[in-house]
Amino acid sequence: MVSIKDIAKKAGVSISTVSYALNGSNKVTDETRSKILVIAKELNYVPNAAARTLKKRESRILGVFLADFSGDVYGDLLTGMKAICNAQGYDLIVCSGKQSHRMLPERMIDGAIILDHTFSSEELMQYADRGHKIVVLDRELEHRNINQVLLDNKAGATLAMEYLIEHGHKKIYVVTGPEGSFDSVQRLKAVRQVAERQADVEWIEIVGDFEKSGGERAADHIIQTYAGPAAVFCLNDEMAIGLCDRLADSELEIGKQIDVIGFDHIELTNYVQPKLASIDYSKRKWGALAAEQLIKIIAGEPVDHERIYVTLVEGESVTGPNSAQVRLPIPNANERAVSY
């Protein structure tokens, strides 16, 4: 790789003169600058971004760390982040995997937005102790260099459960997310709290994975154990859509024998028939606010933790228990929960 030493040697000037010329300093004459720029072009010189970052202590790049890129939520989230970054003179890079973690301690980026369970909270606290600026979207951490921009998962799950109960449901299946998911844990806590206040409501946990396939497996279990009208609260829309697709191939009808509500209100829910009830929030606002908060703490400005509020979007997938029941074979009438 060509360095400024090579340019200085060919131009017959000092390294500092080359540095001034390449950085547009007025400490060199226009004639000298032109000569050096011509030589740099001839040698195919490319500035060393890492070295420049170490010298200036900034890269003007923010990193967002995601465990997964699939699903509609991430697209809108990143769009919100990118808009703010570009408006504030920052670039945004998307990172995934354990090897990418080193970008923060090696200062390849000026700060990080975390929505990635592969980071332990202890690891993030260590980075914060070293002065790195971080915004977390998937956990609660208290540190002067860490800001929280969290989705109001508990409020959303409470809205969903109360909506089903208000429609007369006494038996509610709850399809969870993957083990260790902050969103799933928070939503499930709210489910338990609501159920505990309703002594006559039975809720049955089915372990899912936030993927469409998890909803399909949950549907198989419900079909096999069906004994009367019930509701299903899928803790995200991906699973709800998978569940609806699988139920469409059975004798159970959504909005009749089985009511369904999801969480996230992704674009695809508008095309599910009957229309899927879901918990909605602005993914773009979530991403934009995360980027805004990170840029503020990098600049040393005071910030408060933020929470993204949610609303209930009603749909024909929830109508209340129906007297018409479908008789299906029940392999094990005592089976009430299942893990996959």
Protein backbone atom coordinates (compact mmCIF):
# COMPACT_ATOMS: atom_id res chain seq x y z
CA MET A 1 0.00 0.00 0.00
CA VAL A 2 1.33 3.41 -0.96
CA SER A 3 1.97 5.70 2.02
CA ILE A 4 2.60 9.42 2.37
CA LYS A 5 6.28 8.53 2.80
CA ASP A 6 6.32 7.28 -0.80
CA ILE A 7 4.69 10.48 -2.03
CA ALA A 8 7.13 12.63 -0.03
CA LYS A 9 10.13 10.74 -1.43
CA LYS A 10 9.01 11.14 -5.05
CA ALA A 11 8.03 14.81 -4.56
CA GLY A 12 11.26 15.65 -2.70
CA VAL A 13 9.40 17.18 0.25
CA SER A 14 8.83 16.32 3.90
CA ILE A 15 6.11 13.97 5.13
CA SER A 16 4.44 16.84 6.96
CA THR A 17 4.26 18.86 3.73
CA VAL A 18 2.49 15.95 2.02
CA SER A 19 0.08 15.67 4.95
CA TYR A 20 -0.72 19.40 4.77
CA ALA A 21 -1.30 19.19 1.03
CA LEU A 22 -3.57 16.16 1.20
CA ASN A 23 -5.64 17.72 3.99
CA GLY A 24 -6.08 21.08 2.22
CA SER A 25 -3.98 23.09 4.67
CA ASN A 26 -2.95 26.65 3.75
CA LYS A 27 0.54 25.91 5.07
CA VAL A 28 1.63 24.85 1.57
CA THR A 29 1.51 26.79 -1.69
CA ASP A 30 -0.96 26.00 -4.44
CA GLU A 31 1.93 24.93 -6.68
CA THR A 32 3.26 22.45 -4.10
CA ARG A 33 -0.22 21.13 -3.38
CA SER A 34 -0.93 20.55 -7.07
CA LYS A 35 2.39 18.73 -7.52
CA ILE A 36 1.72 16.46 -4.54
CA LEU A 37 -1.85 15.69 -5.60
CA VAL A 38 -0.65 14.69 -9.09
CA ILE A 39 1.95 12.33 -7.61
CA ALA A 40 -0.62 10.87 -5.18
CA LYS A 41 -2.90 10.11 -8.11
CA GLU A 42 -0.08 8.57 -10.14
CA LEU A 43 0.80 6.26 -7.24
CA ASN A 44 -2.88 5.36 -6.65
CA TYR A 45 -2.65 6.62 -3.09
CA VAL A 46 -5.62 5.72 -0.85
CA PRO A 47 -5.89 7.43 2.57
CA ASN A 48 -5.63 5.08 5.54
CA ALA A 49 -8.98 5.54 7.25
CA ALA A 50 -7.91 3.64 10.36
CA ALA A 51 -4.86 5.83 10.87
CA ARG A 52 -6.89 8.99 10.31
CA THR A 53 -9.47 7.78 12.84
CA LEU A 54 -6.78 7.18 15.46
CA LYS A 55 -5.36 10.66 14.91
CA LYS A 56 -8.66 12.53 14.95
CA ARG A 57 -10.32 10.17 17.49
CA GLU A 58 -13.41 10.00 15.28
CA SER A 59 -14.59 8.17 12.19
CA ARG A 60 -17.97 9.85 11.61
CA ILE A 61 -19.37 6.32 11.34
CA LEU A 62 -21.98 4.74 13.60
CA GLY A 63 -22.50 1.00 13.86
CA VAL A 64 -25.78 -0.80 14.43
CA PHE A 65 -25.44 -4.39 15.62
CA LEU A 66 -28.23 -6.82 14.78
CA ALA A 67 -28.55 -10.53 15.51
CA ASP A 68 -30.67 -10.98 12.39
CA PHE A 69 -31.53 -9.00 9.25
CA SER A 70 -34.70 -10.82 8.21
CA GLY A 71 -38.20 -9.45 8.72
CA ASP A 72 -39.96 -6.16 8.03
CA VAL A 73 -39.09 -4.61 11.39
CA TYR A 74 -35.39 -4.26 10.62
CA GLY A 75 -35.89 -2.53 7.28
CA ASP A 76 -37.95 0.31 8.75
CA LEU A 77 -35.70 0.51 11.81
CA LEU A 78 -32.58 0.98 9.66
CA THR A 79 -34.33 3.50 7.42
CA GLY A 80 -35.03 5.69 10.46
CA MET A 81 -31.42 5.42 11.64
CA LYS A 82 -29.95 6.18 8.22
CA ALA A 83 -32.05 9.33 7.77
CA ILE A 84 -30.77 10.84 11.01
CA CYS A 85 -27.16 9.75 10.46
CA ASN A 86 -27.03 11.27 6.97
CA ALA A 87 -28.63 14.50 8.17
CA GLN A 88 -26.01 14.81 10.93
CA GLY A 89 -23.00 14.01 8.74
CA TYR A 90 -22.56 10.40 9.84
CA ASP A 91 -22.47 7.17 7.87
CA LEU A 92 -24.15 4.02 9.16
CA ILE A 93 -22.83 0.48 8.91
CA VAL A 94 -24.79 -2.65 9.86
CA CYS A 95 -22.88 -5.35 11.73
CA SER A 96 -23.60 -8.93 12.75
CA GLY A 97 -21.59 -11.76 14.28
CA LYS A 98 -19.07 -12.07 17.11
CA GLN A 99 -16.11 -10.88 15.01
CA SER A 100 -17.82 -7.55 14.40
CA HIS A 101 -17.79 -6.77 18.13
CA ARG A 102 -14.17 -5.59 17.85
CA MET A 103 -15.23 -2.58 15.77
CA LEU A 104 -16.19 -0.76 18.96
CA PRO A 105 -13.09 -1.30 21.13
CA GLU A 106 -10.82 -0.76 18.09
CA ARG A 107 -12.61 2.56 17.49
CA MET A 108 -13.51 1.83 13.89
CA ILE A 109 -16.84 3.45 14.75
CA ASP A 110 -17.73 6.39 16.99
CA GLY A 111 -20.58 4.62 18.74
CA ALA A 112 -22.91 1.63 18.62
CA ILE A 113 -26.62 0.89 18.58
CA ILE A 114 -27.23 -2.58 20.00
CA LEU A 115 -30.10 -4.91 19.10
CA ASP A 116 -28.07 -8.08 19.35
CA HIS A 117 -28.26 -10.69 22.10
CA THR A 118 -24.76 -11.97 21.24
CA PHE A 119 -23.43 -9.00 23.21
CA SER A 120 -23.50 -9.81 26.91
CA SER A 121 -24.46 -6.97 29.22
CA GLU A 122 -21.10 -7.38 30.96
CA GLU A 123 -19.28 -6.84 27.65
CA LEU A 124 -21.23 -3.66 26.93
CA MET A 125 -20.59 -2.31 30.43
CA GLN A 126 -16.86 -2.89 29.94
CA TYR A 127 -16.92 -0.91 26.69
CA ALA A 128 -18.86 1.87 28.39
CA ASP A 129 -16.30 1.96 31.21
CA ARG A 130 -13.62 2.60 28.55
CA GLY A 131 -15.58 5.59 27.24
CA HIS A 132 -17.38 4.04 24.27
CA LYS A 133 -20.82 5.50 23.52
CA ILE A 134 -23.69 3.02 23.23
CA VAL A 135 -27.46 3.00 22.75
CA VAL A 136 -29.25 -0.24 23.66
CA LEU A 137 -32.60 -1.30 22.20
CA ASP A 138 -32.79 -4.72 23.80
CA ARG A 139 -31.92 -4.46 27.51
CA GLU A 140 -31.87 -2.19 30.54
CA LEU A 141 -28.39 -0.95 31.47
CA GLU A 142 -27.48 2.01 33.67
CA HIS A 143 -24.23 3.78 32.74
CA ARG A 144 -23.31 7.37 31.88
CA ASN A 145 -22.17 6.24 28.41
CA ILE A 146 -25.20 4.06 27.70
CA ASN A 147 -28.65 5.27 26.70
CA GLN A 148 -31.78 3.11 26.53
CA VAL A 149 -34.32 3.47 23.70
CA LEU A 150 -36.72 0.66 24.46
CA LEU A 151 -39.98 -0.52 22.99
CA ASP A 152 -42.85 -0.52 25.51
CA ASN A 153 -43.24 -4.28 25.35
CA LYS A 154 -45.21 -4.59 28.58
CA ALA A 155 -47.81 -2.04 27.53
CA GLY A 156 -48.20 -3.74 24.15
CA ALA A 157 -48.64 -7.22 25.60
CA THR A 158 -51.10 -5.87 28.17
CA LEU A 159 -53.17 -4.27 25.40
CA ALA A 160 -53.23 -7.54 23.46
CA MET A 161 -54.26 -9.70 26.42
CA GLU A 162 -56.93 -7.28 27.62
CA TYR A 163 -58.30 -7.06 24.07
CA LEU A 164 -58.76 -10.83 23.95
CA ILE A 165 -60.28 -10.95 27.43
CA GLU A 166 -62.66 -8.10 26.63
CA HIS A 167 -63.87 -10.18 23.69
CA GLY A 168 -64.82 -12.95 26.11
CA HIS A 169 -61.87 -15.33 25.82
CA LYS A 170 -61.16 -17.59 28.78
CA LYS A 171 -58.51 -19.76 27.09
CA ILE A 172 -55.51 -18.02 25.52
CA TYR A 173 -52.47 -19.63 23.91
CA VAL A 174 -49.33 -17.46 24.03
CA VAL A 175 -46.61 -18.22 21.48
CA THR A 176 -43.32 -16.85 22.82
CA GLY A 177 -40.09 -15.73 21.19
CA PRO A 178 -36.67 -17.41 21.43
CA GLU A 179 -35.02 -18.00 24.77
CA GLY A 180 -33.05 -14.96 25.91
CA SER A 181 -34.97 -12.47 23.78
CA PHE A 182 -35.50 -9.28 25.80
CA ASP A 183 -38.69 -8.44 23.90
CA SER A 184 -40.15 -11.89 24.47
CA VAL A 185 -39.30 -11.87 28.19
CA GLN A 186 -40.86 -8.45 28.72
CA ARG A 187 -44.02 -9.32 26.79
CA LEU A 188 -44.40 -12.60 28.65
CA LYS A 189 -44.10 -10.81 32.01
CA ALA A 190 -47.07 -8.64 31.06
CA VAL A 191 -49.03 -11.72 29.96
CA ARG A 192 -48.52 -13.29 33.39
CA GLN A 193 -49.53 -10.11 35.19
CA VAL A 194 -52.75 -9.79 33.23
CA ALA A 195 -53.58 -13.50 33.64
CA GLU A 196 -52.98 -13.33 37.40
CA ARG A 197 -55.60 -10.60 37.66
CA GLN A 198 -58.13 -12.79 35.83
CA ALA A 199 -58.75 -15.92 37.88
CA ASP A 200 -61.07 -17.43 35.26
CA VAL A 201 -58.60 -17.04 32.36
CA GLU A 202 -56.38 -19.98 31.40
CA TRP A 203 -53.24 -19.14 29.45
CA ILE A 204 -51.10 -21.77 27.80
CA GLU A 205 -47.50 -21.08 26.80
CA ILE A 206 -46.11 -22.47 23.54
CA VAL A 207 -42.43 -21.85 22.98
CA GLY A 208 -41.75 -20.15 19.64
CA ASP A 209 -38.84 -18.48 17.90
CA PHE A 210 -40.09 -15.22 16.30
CA GLU A 211 -39.98 -17.00 12.91
CA LYS A 212 -42.86 -17.99 10.64
CA SER A 213 -41.98 -21.65 11.22
CA GLY A 214 -42.52 -21.17 14.96
CA GLY A 215 -46.08 -20.07 14.29
CA GLU A 216 -46.65 -23.08 12.03
CA ARG A 217 -45.49 -25.47 14.75
CA ALA A 218 -47.71 -23.71 17.30
CA ALA A 219 -50.69 -24.13 14.93
CA ASP A 220 -49.98 -27.87 14.64
CA HIS A 221 -50.12 -28.17 18.42
CA ILE A 222 -53.36 -26.17 18.67
CA ILE A 223 -55.02 -28.24 15.93
CA GLN A 224 -54.05 -31.48 17.66
CA THR A 225 -55.33 -30.35 21.09
CA TYR A 226 -58.34 -28.28 20.02
CA ALA A 227 -61.26 -28.70 22.43
CA GLY A 228 -63.25 -25.51 21.92
CA PRO A 229 -63.00 -21.81 21.02
CA ALA A 230 -59.73 -20.19 22.05
CA ALA A 231 -57.48 -17.23 21.28
CA VAL A 232 -53.80 -17.07 20.36
CA PHE A 233 -51.45 -14.21 21.19
CA CYS A 234 -48.30 -14.54 19.08
CA LEU A 235 -45.54 -12.35 20.49
CA ASN A 236 -44.63 -11.19 17.00
CA ASP A 237 -46.39 -10.98 13.63
CA GLU A 238 -44.02 -13.34 11.82
CA MET A 239 -45.25 -16.21 14.00
CA ALA A 240 -48.86 -15.01 13.76
CA ILE A 241 -48.69 -15.15 9.95
CA GLY A 242 -47.16 -18.63 10.06
CA LEU A 243 -49.88 -19.75 12.43
CA CYS A 244 -52.65 -18.30 10.23
CA ASP A 245 -51.20 -19.97 7.13
CA ARG A 246 -51.14 -23.37 8.78
CA LEU A 247 -54.64 -22.99 10.27
CA ALA A 248 -55.94 -22.13 6.79
CA ASP A 249 -55.21 -25.74 5.82
CA SER A 250 -57.25 -27.07 8.75
CA GLU A 251 -60.93 -27.05 9.70
CA LEU A 252 -60.35 -24.24 12.21
CA GLU A 253 -61.25 -20.76 10.98
CA ILE A 254 -59.55 -17.56 12.13
CA GLY A 255 -62.09 -15.22 13.70
CA LYS A 256 -64.45 -18.11 14.44
CA GLN A 257 -63.04 -21.11 16.28
CA ILE A 258 -59.64 -19.44 16.80
CA ASP A 259 -58.92 -15.74 17.32
CA VAL A 260 -55.39 -14.45 16.70
CA ILE A 261 -53.48 -11.29 17.59
CA GLY A 262 -49.84 -10.48 16.85
CA PHE A 263 -47.23 -7.85 17.73
CA ASP A 264 -45.31 -5.41 15.45
CA HIS A 265 -48.02 -4.65 12.82
CA ILE A 266 -45.68 -5.35 9.92
CA GLU A 267 -46.75 -4.47 6.37
CA LEU A 268 -47.74 -8.03 5.53
CA THR A 269 -50.48 -8.06 8.18
CA ASN A 270 -52.53 -5.72 5.98
CA TYR A 271 -52.90 -8.53 3.44
CA VAL A 272 -53.75 -11.40 5.79
CA GLN A 273 -57.40 -12.47 5.63
CA PRO A 274 -59.13 -11.95 7.91
CA LYS A 275 -57.11 -8.84 8.78
CA LEU A 276 -54.75 -9.57 11.66
CA ALA A 277 -55.14 -7.63 14.90
CA SER A 278 -51.73 -6.50 16.13
CA ILE A 279 -49.74 -4.16 18.36
CA ASP A 280 -48.32 -1.26 16.37
CA TYR A 281 -45.46 1.21 16.86
CA SER A 282 -43.27 3.30 14.56
CA LYS A 283 -40.19 1.30 13.61
CA ARG A 284 -38.71 4.29 11.78
CA LYS A 285 -39.19 6.51 14.82
CA TRP A 286 -37.53 3.87 17.00
CA GLY A 287 -34.49 3.80 14.70
CA ALA A 288 -34.38 7.58 14.26
CA LEU A 289 -34.56 8.21 18.00
CA ALA A 290 -31.81 5.67 18.67
CA ALA A 291 -29.50 7.43 16.19
CA GLU A 292 -30.38 10.87 17.61
CA GLN A 293 -29.59 9.75 21.16
CA LEU A 294 -26.28 8.19 20.15
CA ILE A 295 -25.14 11.33 18.31
CA LYS A 296 -26.06 13.42 21.35
CA ILE A 297 -24.07 11.34 23.83
CA ILE A 298 -21.08 11.33 21.44
CA ALA A 299 -21.30 15.14 21.48
CA GLY A 300 -21.46 15.15 25.27
CA GLU A 301 -25.04 16.37 25.41
CA PRO A 302 -27.31 15.18 28.26
CA VAL A 303 -29.98 12.61 27.30
CA ASP A 304 -32.73 10.73 29.08
CA HIS A 305 -33.79 7.16 28.47
CA GLU A 306 -36.59 6.93 25.91
CA ARG A 307 -39.50 4.55 25.39
CA ILE A 308 -41.35 3.89 22.15
CA TYR A 309 -45.09 3.81 22.72
CA VAL A 310 -47.45 1.29 21.20
CA THR A 311 -51.07 1.16 20.05
CA LEU A 312 -53.59 -1.57 19.33
CA VAL A 313 -54.70 -2.12 15.73
CA GLU A 314 -57.97 -4.02 15.67
CA GLY A 315 -58.69 -6.68 13.08
CA GLU A 316 -61.26 -9.26 12.07
CA SER A 317 -58.96 -11.99 13.39
CA VAL A 318 -60.45 -11.29 16.84
CA THR A 319 -64.25 -11.56 17.16
CA GLY A 320 -64.78 -13.43 20.44
CA PRO A 321 -65.64 -17.08 21.19
CA ASN A 322 -67.99 -18.65 18.68
CA SER A 323 -70.57 -21.27 19.58
CA ALA A 324 -69.75 -23.27 16.44
CA GLN A 325 -67.08 -25.80 17.30
CA VAL A 326 -65.14 -28.14 15.09
CA ARG A 327 -64.66 -31.69 16.28
CA LEU A 328 -61.07 -32.79 15.76
CA PRO A 329 -59.15 -35.76 17.17
CA ILE A 330 -57.40 -34.92 20.43
CA PRO A 331 -54.25 -37.05 20.97
CA ASN A 332 -53.89 -36.07 24.61
CA ALA A 333 -56.66 -34.09 26.24
CA ASN A 334 -54.50 -33.35 29.29
CA GLU A 335 -51.70 -31.72 27.31
CA ARG A 336 -51.64 -27.99 28.03
CA ALA A 337 -48.22 -26.66 27.03
CA VAL A 338 -45.45 -27.62 24.69
CA SER A 339 -41.86 -26.63 23.95
CA TYR A 340 -40.22 -27.02 20.56
